[in-house]
Amino acid sequence: MWRLDEHALVVEPFGPLTRARRDEITAEGERMLRVMHPDTSYGIRFGAVRQ
């Protein structure tokens, strides 16, 4: 699950991620943010899915 927080894109995976998969998701998030918010700087962080 992805959600845009005030200063970060928060990725909440539904299961554990390998380092390679985490890197892929980070790269995808960076591309998405450059297109959707080109003039804004956001961090990318990982969290747990909230229930």
PDB file of N, CA and C in Angstrom:
ATOM      1  N   MET A   1       0.850  -1.151   0.000  1.00  0.00           N
ATOM      2  CA  MET A   1       0.000   0.000   0.000  1.00  0.00           C
ATOM      3  C   MET A   1       0.914   1.238   0.000  1.00  0.00           C
ATOM      4  N   TRP A   2       0.523   2.224  -0.766  1.00  0.00           N
ATOM      5  CA  TRP A   2       1.261   3.491  -0.845  1.00  0.00           C
ATOM      6  C   TRP A   2       0.381   4.586  -0.274  1.00  0.00           C
ATOM      7  N   ARG A   3       0.999   5.509   0.428  1.00  0.00           N
ATOM      8  CA  ARG A   3       0.244   6.703   0.829  1.00  0.00           C
ATOM      9  C   ARG A   3       1.227   7.865   0.919  1.00  0.00           C
ATOM     10  N   LEU A   4       0.736   9.021   0.562  1.00  0.00           N
ATOM     11  CA  LEU A   4       1.555  10.220   0.597  1.00  0.00           C
ATOM     12  C   LEU A   4       1.293  10.941   1.901  1.00  0.00           C
ATOM     13  N   ASP A   5       2.320  11.010   2.715  1.00  0.00           N
ATOM     14  CA  ASP A   5       2.260  11.713   3.992  1.00  0.00           C
ATOM     15  C   ASP A   5       2.656  13.156   3.726  1.00  0.00           C
ATOM     16  N   GLU A   6       2.744  13.961   4.747  1.00  0.00           N
ATOM     17  CA  GLU A   6       3.074  15.371   4.571  1.00  0.00           C
ATOM     18  C   GLU A   6       4.425  15.576   3.872  1.00  0.00           C
ATOM     19  N   HIS A   7       5.433  14.794   4.238  1.00  0.00           N
ATOM     20  CA  HIS A   7       6.762  14.980   3.664  1.00  0.00           C
ATOM     21  C   HIS A   7       7.383  13.690   3.148  1.00  0.00           C
ATOM     22  N   ALA A   8       6.578  12.634   3.018  1.00  0.00           N
ATOM     23  CA  ALA A   8       7.149  11.355   2.595  1.00  0.00           C
ATOM     24  C   ALA A   8       6.112  10.495   1.904  1.00  0.00           C
ATOM     25  N   LEU A   9       6.605   9.683   1.000  1.00  0.00           N
ATOM     26  CA  LEU A   9       5.804   8.606   0.445  1.00  0.00           C
ATOM     27  C   LEU A   9       6.022   7.420   1.371  1.00  0.00           C
ATOM     28  N   VAL A  10       4.957   6.927   1.954  1.00  0.00           N
ATOM     29  CA  VAL A  10       5.060   5.813   2.896  1.00  0.00           C
ATOM     30  C   VAL A  10       4.586   4.546   2.187  1.00  0.00           C
ATOM     31  N   VAL A  11       5.441   3.546   2.153  1.00  0.00           N
ATOM     32  CA  VAL A  11       5.131   2.264   1.532  1.00  0.00           C
ATOM     33  C   VAL A  11       4.884   1.270   2.657  1.00  0.00           C
ATOM     34  N   GLU A  12       3.709   0.647   2.638  1.00  0.00           N
ATOM     35  CA  GLU A  12       3.348  -0.325   3.658  1.00  0.00           C
ATOM     36  C   GLU A  12       3.116  -1.675   2.972  1.00  0.00           C
ATOM     37  N   PRO A  13       4.155  -2.507   2.895  1.00  0.00           N
ATOM     38  CA  PRO A  13       4.008  -3.795   2.215  1.00  0.00           C
ATOM     39  C   PRO A  13       3.165  -4.766   3.050  1.00  0.00           C
ATOM     40  N   PHE A  14       2.519  -5.689   2.379  1.00  0.00           N
ATOM     41  CA  PHE A  14       1.682  -6.673   3.055  1.00  0.00           C
ATOM     42  C   PHE A  14       2.479  -7.873   3.542  1.00  0.00           C
ATOM     43  N   GLY A  15       3.760  -7.894   3.252  1.00  0.00           N
ATOM     44  CA  GLY A  15       4.623  -8.990   3.688  1.00  0.00           C
ATOM     45  C   GLY A  15       6.068  -8.539   3.660  1.00  0.00           C
ATOM     46  N   PRO A  16       6.967  -9.409   4.082  1.00  0.00           N
ATOM     47  CA  PRO A  16       8.387  -9.046   4.097  1.00  0.00           C
ATOM     48  C   PRO A  16       8.923  -8.825   2.680  1.00  0.00           C
ATOM     49  N   LEU A  17       9.905  -7.931   2.559  1.00  0.00           N
ATOM     50  CA  LEU A  17      10.521  -7.626   1.275  1.00  0.00           C
ATOM     51  C   LEU A  17      12.002  -7.987   1.313  1.00  0.00           C
ATOM     52  N   THR A  18      12.485  -8.501   0.193  1.00  0.00           N
ATOM     53  CA  THR A  18      13.925  -8.690   0.072  1.00  0.00           C
ATOM     54  C   THR A  18      14.558  -7.326  -0.161  1.00  0.00           C
ATOM     55  N   ARG A  19      15.854  -7.254   0.010  1.00  0.00           N
ATOM     56  CA  ARG A  19      16.568  -5.987  -0.224  1.00  0.00           C
ATOM     57  C   ARG A  19      16.385  -5.545  -1.683  1.00  0.00           C
ATOM     58  N   ALA A  20      16.468  -6.494  -2.611  1.00  0.00           N
ATOM     59  CA  ALA A  20      16.317  -6.170  -4.030  1.00  0.00           C
ATOM     60  C   ALA A  20      14.914  -5.626  -4.316  1.00  0.00           C
ATOM     61  N   ARG A  21      13.901  -6.254  -3.759  1.00  0.00           N
ATOM     62  CA  ARG A  21      12.519  -5.804  -3.992  1.00  0.00           C
ATOM     63  C   ARG A  21      12.288  -4.429  -3.369  1.00  0.00           C
ATOM     64  N   ARG A  22      12.858  -4.210  -2.200  1.00  0.00           N
ATOM     65  CA  ARG A  22      12.746  -2.904  -1.538  1.00  0.00           C
ATOM     66  C   ARG A  22      13.389  -1.812  -2.393  1.00  0.00           C
ATOM     67  N   ASP A  23      14.542  -2.115  -2.982  1.00  0.00           N
ATOM     68  CA  ASP A  23      15.217  -1.167  -3.877  1.00  0.00           C
ATOM     69  C   ASP A  23      14.369  -0.869  -5.109  1.00  0.00           C
ATOM     70  N   GLU A  24      13.723  -1.903  -5.673  1.00  0.00           N
ATOM     71  CA  GLU A  24      12.854  -1.719  -6.835  1.00  0.00           C
ATOM     72  C   GLU A  24      11.664  -0.821  -6.495  1.00  0.00           C
ATOM     73  N   ILE A  25      11.065  -1.053  -5.341  1.00  0.00           N
ATOM     74  CA  ILE A  25       9.910  -0.252  -4.915  1.00  0.00           C
ATOM     75  C   ILE A  25      10.326   1.193  -4.667  1.00  0.00           C
ATOM     76  N   THR A  26      11.501   1.387  -4.082  1.00  0.00           N
ATOM     77  CA  THR A  26      12.010   2.742  -3.853  1.00  0.00           C
ATOM     78  C   THR A  26      12.212   3.470  -5.177  1.00  0.00           C
ATOM     79  N   ALA A  27      12.809   2.791  -6.152  1.00  0.00           N
ATOM     80  CA  ALA A  27      13.029   3.399  -7.470  1.00  0.00           C
ATOM     81  C   ALA A  27      11.700   3.745  -8.135  1.00  0.00           C
ATOM     82  N   GLU A  28      10.709   2.855  -8.027  1.00  0.00           N
ATOM     83  CA  GLU A  28       9.392   3.118  -8.604  1.00  0.00           C
ATOM     84  C   GLU A  28       8.739   4.315  -7.925  1.00  0.00           C
ATOM     85  N   GLY A  29       8.867   4.408  -6.609  1.00  0.00           N
ATOM     86  CA  GLY A  29       8.322   5.540  -5.876  1.00  0.00           C
ATOM     87  C   GLY A  29       8.969   6.852  -6.288  1.00  0.00           C
ATOM     88  N   GLU A  30      10.279   6.836  -6.482  1.00  0.00           N
ATOM     89  CA  GLU A  30      10.990   8.040  -6.930  1.00  0.00           C
ATOM     90  C   GLU A  30      10.493   8.493  -8.295  1.00  0.00           C
ATOM     91  N   ARG A  31      10.307   7.545  -9.215  1.00  0.00           N
ATOM     92  CA  ARG A  31       9.793   7.891 -10.555  1.00  0.00           C
ATOM     93  C   ARG A  31       8.381   8.480 -10.457  1.00  0.00           C
ATOM     94  N   MET A  32       7.550   7.845  -9.663  1.00  0.00           N
ATOM     95  CA  MET A  32       6.172   8.303  -9.512  1.00  0.00           C
ATOM     96  C   MET A  32       6.132   9.719  -8.934  1.00  0.00           C
ATOM     97  N   LEU A  33       6.940   9.987  -7.911  1.00  0.00           N
ATOM     98  CA  LEU A  33       6.952  11.311  -7.299  1.00  0.00           C
ATOM     99  C   LEU A  33       7.467  12.384  -8.254  1.00  0.00           C
ATOM    100  N   ARG A  34       8.457  12.041  -9.089  1.00  0.00           N
ATOM    101  CA  ARG A  34       8.973  13.016 -10.067  1.00  0.00           C
ATOM    102  C   ARG A  34       7.900  13.418 -11.065  1.00  0.00           C
ATOM    103  N   VAL A  35       7.027  12.483 -11.428  1.00  0.00           N
ATOM    104  CA  VAL A  35       5.957  12.780 -12.386  1.00  0.00           C
ATOM    105  C   VAL A  35       4.803  13.519 -11.713  1.00  0.00           C
ATOM    106  N   MET A  36       4.387  13.042 -10.552  1.00  0.00           N
ATOM    107  CA  MET A  36       3.200  13.601  -9.895  1.00  0.00           C
ATOM    108  C   MET A  36       3.479  14.902  -9.139  1.00  0.00           C
ATOM    109  N   HIS A  37       4.694  15.059  -8.619  1.00  0.00           N
ATOM    110  CA  HIS A  37       5.045  16.235  -7.815  1.00  0.00           C
ATOM    111  C   HIS A  37       6.457  16.697  -8.177  1.00  0.00           C
ATOM    112  N   PRO A  38       6.652  17.177  -9.403  1.00  0.00           N
ATOM    113  CA  PRO A  38       8.008  17.489  -9.876  1.00  0.00           C
ATOM    114  C   PRO A  38       8.712  18.608  -9.109  1.00  0.00           C
ATOM    115  N   ASP A  39       7.985  19.498  -8.491  1.00  0.00           N
ATOM    116  CA  ASP A  39       8.605  20.633  -7.799  1.00  0.00           C
ATOM    117  C   ASP A  39       8.647  20.471  -6.285  1.00  0.00           C
ATOM    118  N   THR A  40       8.354  19.271  -5.804  1.00  0.00           N
ATOM    119  CA  THR A  40       8.305  19.021  -4.368  1.00  0.00           C
ATOM    120  C   THR A  40       9.254  17.887  -4.008  1.00  0.00           C
ATOM    121  N   SER A  41       9.937  18.035  -2.889  1.00  0.00           N
ATOM    122  CA  SER A  41      10.855  17.000  -2.425  1.00  0.00           C
ATOM    123  C   SER A  41      10.163  16.142  -1.365  1.00  0.00           C
ATOM    124  N   TYR A  42      10.186  14.846  -1.577  1.00  0.00           N
ATOM    125  CA  TYR A  42       9.606  13.901  -0.633  1.00  0.00           C
ATOM    126  C   TYR A  42      10.627  12.823  -0.313  1.00  0.00           C
ATOM    127  N   GLY A  43      10.581  12.330   0.902  1.00  0.00           N
ATOM    128  CA  GLY A  43      11.348  11.147   1.262  1.00  0.00           C
ATOM    129  C   GLY A  43      10.506   9.917   0.991  1.00  0.00           C
ATOM    130  N   ILE A  44      11.134   8.768   1.024  1.00  0.00           N
ATOM    131  CA  ILE A  44      10.402   7.501   0.880  1.00  0.00           C
ATOM    132  C   ILE A  44      10.761   6.661   2.097  1.00  0.00           C
ATOM    133  N   ARG A  45       9.722   6.187   2.773  1.00  0.00           N
ATOM    134  CA  ARG A  45       9.984   5.343   3.926  1.00  0.00           C
ATOM    135  C   ARG A  45       9.044   4.148   3.921  1.00  0.00           C
ATOM    136  N   PHE A  46       9.426   3.148   4.648  1.00  0.00           N
ATOM    137  CA  PHE A  46       8.646   1.913   4.725  1.00  0.00           C
ATOM    138  C   PHE A  46       8.053   1.787   6.118  1.00  0.00           C
ATOM    139  N   GLY A  47       6.827   1.298   6.184  1.00  0.00           N
ATOM    140  CA  GLY A  47       6.153   1.090   7.460  1.00  0.00           C
ATOM    141  C   GLY A  47       5.362  -0.202   7.401  1.00  0.00           C
ATOM    142  N   ALA A  48       4.663  -0.493   8.474  1.00  0.00           N
ATOM    143  CA  ALA A  48       3.826  -1.686   8.544  1.00  0.00           C
ATOM    144  C   ALA A  48       2.395  -1.317   8.162  1.00  0.00           C
ATOM    145  N   VAL A  49       1.681  -2.249   7.581  1.00  0.00           N
ATOM    146  CA  VAL A  49       0.291  -2.023   7.223  1.00  0.00           C
ATOM    147  C   VAL A  49      -0.512  -1.844   8.500  1.00  0.00           C
ATOM    148  N   ARG A  50      -1.285  -0.779   8.533  1.00  0.00           N
ATOM    149  CA  ARG A  50      -2.146  -0.506   9.705  1.00  0.00           C
ATOM    150  C   ARG A  50      -3.430  -1.292   9.571  1.00  0.00           C
ATOM    151  N   GLN A  51      -3.886  -1.832  10.654  1.00  0.00           N
ATOM    152  CA  GLN A  51      -5.139  -2.597  10.620  1.00  0.00           C
ATOM    153  C   GLN A  51      -6.219  -1.900  11.358  1.00  0.00           C
TER     154      GLN A  51
END
